[in-house]
Amino acid sequence: MKGRWVHIPSGRVYNETFNKPKVKGLDDVTGEPLKQRPDDASSAVRERLRLYNETMRPLLDLYGERGILHTFHGTSSDEIWPKVRDTLLKFIPRKK
């Protein structure tokens, strides 16, 4: 997230590790400067992760103990979503 940059007027999003702008720091379409949102700064990301771990750890432990926690690994939503979908479909009754 700290590598995310946004063209504020259009909402176009770029990232330093994928979907880089053609010219660093500038929007591909207009050439205007890109901005980094305050909530994408390293300190904000660290705080969000700290809070996530603090609040979610008890739930993850509980679901893990009950054997109903499913974990998915990947680096993009295109890679992870099919795994999530396939797991969710196992819990949806099929029509006869």
N, C-alpha and C. Protein backbone atom coordinates (compact mmCIF):
# COMPACT_ATOMS: atom_id res chain seq x y z
N MET A 1 0.82 -1.19 0.00
CA MET A 1 0.00 0.00 0.00
C MET A 1 0.86 1.25 0.00
N LYS A 2 2.02 1.17 0.63
CA LYS A 2 2.85 2.37 0.66
C LYS A 2 3.36 2.75 -0.71
N GLY A 3 3.26 1.85 -1.69
CA GLY A 3 3.69 2.15 -3.05
C GLY A 3 2.57 2.67 -3.93
N ARG A 4 1.40 2.90 -3.33
CA ARG A 4 0.24 3.34 -4.11
C ARG A 4 0.26 4.86 -4.28
N TRP A 5 0.02 5.30 -5.51
CA TRP A 5 -0.06 6.72 -5.84
C TRP A 5 -1.34 6.95 -6.63
N VAL A 6 -1.98 8.08 -6.43
CA VAL A 6 -3.29 8.34 -7.01
C VAL A 6 -3.29 9.66 -7.77
N HIS A 7 -3.97 9.65 -8.91
CA HIS A 7 -4.28 10.90 -9.60
C HIS A 7 -5.63 11.33 -9.04
N ILE A 8 -5.61 12.31 -8.16
CA ILE A 8 -6.79 12.68 -7.38
C ILE A 8 -7.99 13.05 -8.25
N PRO A 9 -7.86 13.90 -9.27
CA PRO A 9 -9.06 14.28 -10.03
C PRO A 9 -9.78 13.11 -10.70
N SER A 10 -9.02 12.13 -11.20
CA SER A 10 -9.65 11.02 -11.92
C SER A 10 -9.84 9.78 -11.07
N GLY A 11 -9.04 9.65 -10.01
CA GLY A 11 -9.08 8.44 -9.20
C GLY A 11 -8.21 7.31 -9.74
N ARG A 12 -7.45 7.57 -10.82
CA ARG A 12 -6.56 6.54 -11.35
C ARG A 12 -5.51 6.19 -10.30
N VAL A 13 -5.26 4.89 -10.16
CA VAL A 13 -4.33 4.42 -9.14
C VAL A 13 -3.14 3.75 -9.81
N TYR A 14 -1.97 4.06 -9.30
CA TYR A 14 -0.72 3.46 -9.76
C TYR A 14 -0.02 2.83 -8.57
N ASN A 15 0.94 1.95 -8.84
CA ASN A 15 1.69 1.32 -7.78
C ASN A 15 3.13 1.18 -8.21
N GLU A 16 4.05 1.37 -7.26
CA GLU A 16 5.48 1.31 -7.58
C GLU A 16 5.96 -0.09 -7.97
N THR A 17 5.25 -1.14 -7.56
CA THR A 17 5.69 -2.49 -7.88
C THR A 17 4.92 -3.11 -9.04
N PHE A 18 3.76 -2.59 -9.34
CA PHE A 18 2.99 -3.03 -10.51
C PHE A 18 2.15 -1.84 -10.94
N ASN A 19 1.80 -1.78 -12.18
CA ASN A 19 1.03 -0.66 -12.73
C ASN A 19 1.73 0.68 -12.47
N LYS A 20 3.03 0.72 -12.76
CA LYS A 20 3.80 1.95 -12.59
C LYS A 20 3.36 2.98 -13.63
N PRO A 21 3.40 4.27 -13.27
CA PRO A 21 3.14 5.28 -14.29
C PRO A 21 4.29 5.30 -15.29
N LYS A 22 4.01 5.75 -16.51
CA LYS A 22 5.06 5.79 -17.53
C LYS A 22 6.20 6.72 -17.11
N VAL A 23 5.85 7.83 -16.46
CA VAL A 23 6.83 8.77 -15.91
C VAL A 23 6.59 8.82 -14.40
N LYS A 24 7.61 8.51 -13.64
CA LYS A 24 7.48 8.44 -12.19
C LYS A 24 6.86 9.73 -11.63
N GLY A 25 5.81 9.55 -10.84
CA GLY A 25 5.18 10.69 -10.17
C GLY A 25 4.17 11.45 -10.98
N LEU A 26 3.94 11.02 -12.25
CA LEU A 26 2.99 11.74 -13.10
C LEU A 26 1.93 10.80 -13.66
N ASP A 27 0.72 11.33 -13.78
CA ASP A 27 -0.39 10.59 -14.35
C ASP A 27 -0.14 10.32 -15.83
N ASP A 28 -0.42 9.10 -16.27
CA ASP A 28 -0.19 8.72 -17.67
C ASP A 28 -1.05 9.52 -18.65
N VAL A 29 -2.26 9.88 -18.26
CA VAL A 29 -3.19 10.53 -19.17
C VAL A 29 -2.97 12.05 -19.23
N THR A 30 -2.89 12.68 -18.06
CA THR A 30 -2.83 14.15 -18.02
C THR A 30 -1.44 14.70 -17.80
N GLY A 31 -0.52 13.88 -17.27
CA GLY A 31 0.80 14.37 -16.92
C GLY A 31 0.84 15.15 -15.61
N GLU A 32 -0.29 15.19 -14.92
CA GLU A 32 -0.36 15.90 -13.64
C GLU A 32 0.29 15.08 -12.54
N PRO A 33 0.72 15.75 -11.47
CA PRO A 33 1.38 15.03 -10.37
C PRO A 33 0.45 14.04 -9.68
N LEU A 34 1.04 12.92 -9.27
CA LEU A 34 0.33 11.93 -8.48
C LEU A 34 0.54 12.26 -7.01
N LYS A 35 -0.42 11.87 -6.20
CA LYS A 35 -0.34 12.10 -4.76
C LYS A 35 -0.42 10.77 -4.03
N GLN A 36 0.21 10.74 -2.87
CA GLN A 36 0.06 9.57 -2.00
C GLN A 36 -0.90 9.96 -0.89
N ARG A 37 -1.94 9.16 -0.72
CA ARG A 37 -2.92 9.46 0.32
C ARG A 37 -2.26 9.29 1.68
N PRO A 38 -2.67 10.10 2.66
CA PRO A 38 -2.08 9.99 4.00
C PRO A 38 -2.21 8.59 4.60
N ASP A 39 -3.31 7.90 4.30
CA ASP A 39 -3.49 6.57 4.89
C ASP A 39 -2.66 5.50 4.19
N ASP A 40 -1.92 5.86 3.14
CA ASP A 40 -1.00 4.93 2.48
C ASP A 40 0.45 5.13 2.93
N ALA A 41 0.70 6.11 3.79
CA ALA A 41 2.06 6.35 4.29
C ALA A 41 2.49 5.16 5.14
N SER A 42 3.80 4.90 5.20
CA SER A 42 4.33 3.75 5.94
C SER A 42 3.85 3.72 7.38
N SER A 43 3.85 4.86 8.05
CA SER A 43 3.43 4.90 9.46
C SER A 43 1.95 4.53 9.60
N ALA A 44 1.12 4.98 8.67
CA ALA A 44 -0.31 4.66 8.72
C ALA A 44 -0.54 3.17 8.45
N VAL A 45 0.21 2.60 7.50
CA VAL A 45 0.08 1.17 7.20
C VAL A 45 0.50 0.35 8.41
N ARG A 46 1.61 0.72 9.04
CA ARG A 46 2.06 0.00 10.25
C ARG A 46 1.00 0.04 11.34
N GLU A 47 0.39 1.21 11.55
CA GLU A 47 -0.64 1.33 12.59
C GLU A 47 -1.86 0.50 12.25
N ARG A 48 -2.27 0.49 10.98
CA ARG A 48 -3.42 -0.33 10.58
C ARG A 48 -3.13 -1.81 10.80
N LEU A 49 -1.92 -2.25 10.47
CA LEU A 49 -1.55 -3.65 10.69
C LEU A 49 -1.51 -3.99 12.17
N ARG A 50 -0.99 -3.07 12.99
CA ARG A 50 -0.96 -3.30 14.44
C ARG A 50 -2.38 -3.46 14.98
N LEU A 51 -3.26 -2.56 14.58
CA LEU A 51 -4.65 -2.61 15.05
C LEU A 51 -5.35 -3.87 14.53
N TYR A 52 -5.09 -4.23 13.28
CA TYR A 52 -5.67 -5.45 12.72
C TYR A 52 -5.25 -6.66 13.54
N ASN A 53 -3.96 -6.78 13.82
CA ASN A 53 -3.47 -7.93 14.60
C ASN A 53 -4.05 -7.94 16.00
N GLU A 54 -4.14 -6.78 16.60
CA GLU A 54 -4.69 -6.69 17.96
C GLU A 54 -6.15 -7.12 18.02
N THR A 55 -6.93 -6.70 17.05
CA THR A 55 -8.37 -7.00 17.08
C THR A 55 -8.73 -8.34 16.45
N MET A 56 -7.96 -8.77 15.45
CA MET A 56 -8.31 -10.00 14.74
C MET A 56 -7.68 -11.25 15.33
N ARG A 57 -6.56 -11.13 16.02
CA ARG A 57 -5.87 -12.32 16.55
C ARG A 57 -6.79 -13.20 17.38
N PRO A 58 -7.60 -12.64 18.31
CA PRO A 58 -8.50 -13.52 19.08
C PRO A 58 -9.49 -14.29 18.20
N LEU A 59 -10.01 -13.64 17.16
CA LEU A 59 -10.95 -14.33 16.26
C LEU A 59 -10.24 -15.40 15.45
N LEU A 60 -9.07 -15.09 14.94
CA LEU A 60 -8.32 -16.08 14.17
C LEU A 60 -7.98 -17.29 15.03
N ASP A 61 -7.58 -17.04 16.27
CA ASP A 61 -7.28 -18.15 17.18
C ASP A 61 -8.53 -18.99 17.45
N LEU A 62 -9.65 -18.33 17.71
CA LEU A 62 -10.90 -19.04 17.99
C LEU A 62 -11.32 -19.91 16.80
N TYR A 63 -11.35 -19.31 15.60
CA TYR A 63 -11.76 -20.07 14.42
C TYR A 63 -10.77 -21.19 14.10
N GLY A 64 -9.50 -20.94 14.35
CA GLY A 64 -8.49 -21.97 14.15
C GLY A 64 -8.71 -23.15 15.08
N GLU A 65 -9.01 -22.86 16.35
CA GLU A 65 -9.27 -23.92 17.33
C GLU A 65 -10.50 -24.74 16.96
N ARG A 66 -11.49 -24.08 16.34
CA ARG A 66 -12.71 -24.78 15.94
C ARG A 66 -12.58 -25.47 14.58
N GLY A 67 -11.45 -25.29 13.94
CA GLY A 67 -11.22 -25.94 12.65
C GLY A 67 -11.98 -25.34 11.50
N ILE A 68 -12.38 -24.09 11.63
CA ILE A 68 -13.16 -23.46 10.56
C ILE A 68 -12.45 -22.26 9.93
N LEU A 69 -11.18 -22.11 10.24
CA LEU A 69 -10.39 -21.03 9.66
C LEU A 69 -9.77 -21.52 8.36
N HIS A 70 -9.95 -20.76 7.31
CA HIS A 70 -9.36 -21.08 6.01
C HIS A 70 -8.36 -19.99 5.66
N THR A 71 -7.19 -20.39 5.25
CA THR A 71 -6.12 -19.45 4.93
C THR A 71 -5.81 -19.52 3.44
N PHE A 72 -5.60 -18.38 2.83
CA PHE A 72 -5.32 -18.30 1.41
C PHE A 72 -4.03 -17.52 1.20
N HIS A 73 -3.23 -17.97 0.26
CA HIS A 73 -1.95 -17.32 -0.02
C HIS A 73 -1.92 -16.86 -1.47
N GLY A 74 -1.34 -15.71 -1.69
CA GLY A 74 -1.18 -15.17 -3.03
C GLY A 74 -0.71 -13.74 -2.94
N THR A 75 -0.45 -13.17 -4.09
CA THR A 75 0.06 -11.80 -4.12
C THR A 75 -0.88 -10.82 -4.81
N SER A 76 -2.00 -11.31 -5.34
CA SER A 76 -2.97 -10.41 -5.97
C SER A 76 -4.36 -10.98 -5.80
N SER A 77 -5.35 -10.12 -5.93
CA SER A 77 -6.74 -10.59 -5.80
C SER A 77 -7.09 -11.57 -6.91
N ASP A 78 -6.50 -11.42 -8.10
CA ASP A 78 -6.76 -12.36 -9.19
C ASP A 78 -6.29 -13.77 -8.83
N GLU A 79 -5.27 -13.86 -8.02
CA GLU A 79 -4.74 -15.15 -7.60
C GLU A 79 -5.51 -15.70 -6.39
N ILE A 80 -5.90 -14.83 -5.48
CA ILE A 80 -6.53 -15.26 -4.23
C ILE A 80 -8.03 -15.49 -4.38
N TRP A 81 -8.72 -14.62 -5.10
CA TRP A 81 -10.18 -14.70 -5.17
C TRP A 81 -10.70 -16.07 -5.62
N PRO A 82 -10.15 -16.71 -6.65
CA PRO A 82 -10.67 -18.03 -7.03
C PRO A 82 -10.60 -19.05 -5.88
N LYS A 83 -9.56 -18.96 -5.06
CA LYS A 83 -9.44 -19.87 -3.92
C LYS A 83 -10.52 -19.58 -2.89
N VAL A 84 -10.78 -18.30 -2.64
CA VAL A 84 -11.83 -17.91 -1.69
C VAL A 84 -13.19 -18.36 -2.22
N ARG A 85 -13.45 -18.08 -3.50
CA ARG A 85 -14.73 -18.46 -4.11
C ARG A 85 -14.96 -19.97 -4.02
N ASP A 86 -13.94 -20.77 -4.36
CA ASP A 86 -14.08 -22.22 -4.32
C ASP A 86 -14.39 -22.70 -2.91
N THR A 87 -13.76 -22.09 -1.92
CA THR A 87 -14.02 -22.49 -0.53
C THR A 87 -15.43 -22.10 -0.11
N LEU A 88 -15.86 -20.89 -0.45
CA LEU A 88 -17.21 -20.45 -0.09
C LEU A 88 -18.27 -21.32 -0.75
N LEU A 89 -18.04 -21.72 -1.99
CA LEU A 89 -19.03 -22.54 -2.70
C LEU A 89 -19.26 -23.89 -2.01
N LYS A 90 -18.29 -24.36 -1.25
CA LYS A 90 -18.46 -25.62 -0.52
C LYS A 90 -19.51 -25.50 0.58
N PHE A 91 -19.82 -24.27 1.00
CA PHE A 91 -20.75 -24.05 2.09
C PHE A 91 -22.13 -23.61 1.61
N ILE A 92 -22.30 -23.45 0.32
CA ILE A 92 -23.58 -23.03 -0.23
C ILE A 92 -24.32 -24.27 -0.76
N PRO A 93 -25.54 -24.49 -0.25
CA PRO A 93 -26.30 -25.64 -0.75
C PRO A 93 -26.56 -25.55 -2.25
N ARG A 94 -26.41 -26.65 -2.93
CA ARG A 94 -26.65 -26.71 -4.38
C ARG A 94 -28.13 -26.96 -4.62
N LYS A 95 -28.66 -26.32 -5.66
CA LYS A 95 -30.05 -26.55 -6.05
C LYS A 95 -30.14 -27.88 -6.76
N LYS A 96 -31.22 -28.59 -6.53
CA LYS A 96 -31.41 -29.89 -7.16
C LYS A 96 -32.28 -29.78 -8.37
